[in-house]
Structures are given as structure tokens and as C-alpha cells.
């Protein structure tokens, strides 16, 4: 896997694309970091910041992490099961 990543990053086009993405993300952060000057936006932002609490964000992060862990464990189990089944079919041996 590391060899694939190194091979992917050795390409000049990939490096340019990663640099452009990084710069665009940084400029978006700077652009949206300043306070909006339109009064309509300020009311919307105030309503959103009043509605979302730290507890809501922590619950969302926890739910995403839990779902990700379930997905990873399912993926690893499915791979192990498929390898065991294919090994049993091709070699006639069952591995645990």
C-alpha cells in the first residue's frame, strides 16, 4: 500500500493537483474567516451558532466515529471470511 501511495505521489501532475487543492482550501479558509458585512448573513450565522452547541458537535463526531468503526470491522471480517472461503475452495484447507 505504501508503494502505491509513493508511486501516486511521484507523478508531477499529482503533485500539482495536490498543491492547487491545498492552496484553494487555504484561500477559502481565509475568505470565510472574516465577518460577513451583509446584515442578512449575520442573522443567519447567529441563528446557526445559537442552535448548534458543543454537545451537538460532540454527538455528531461520536456517531461518525462509531459508524466508521463498525464499517472497518465489517470490512475486515468480510475480507477474512472471503479469504477463508476461497482458501477452503482452492486448497481444501480451512483457516481460522
Foldseek 3Di string as FASTA:
>chain_A
DVVVVVVQVVDPVSVVVVVVVVVVVVVVCVVPVDDDPDPVVVVVVVVVVVVDDPVNVVVVVVVVVVVVVVVVVVVVVVVVVVVQVVCCVPVVDGDD
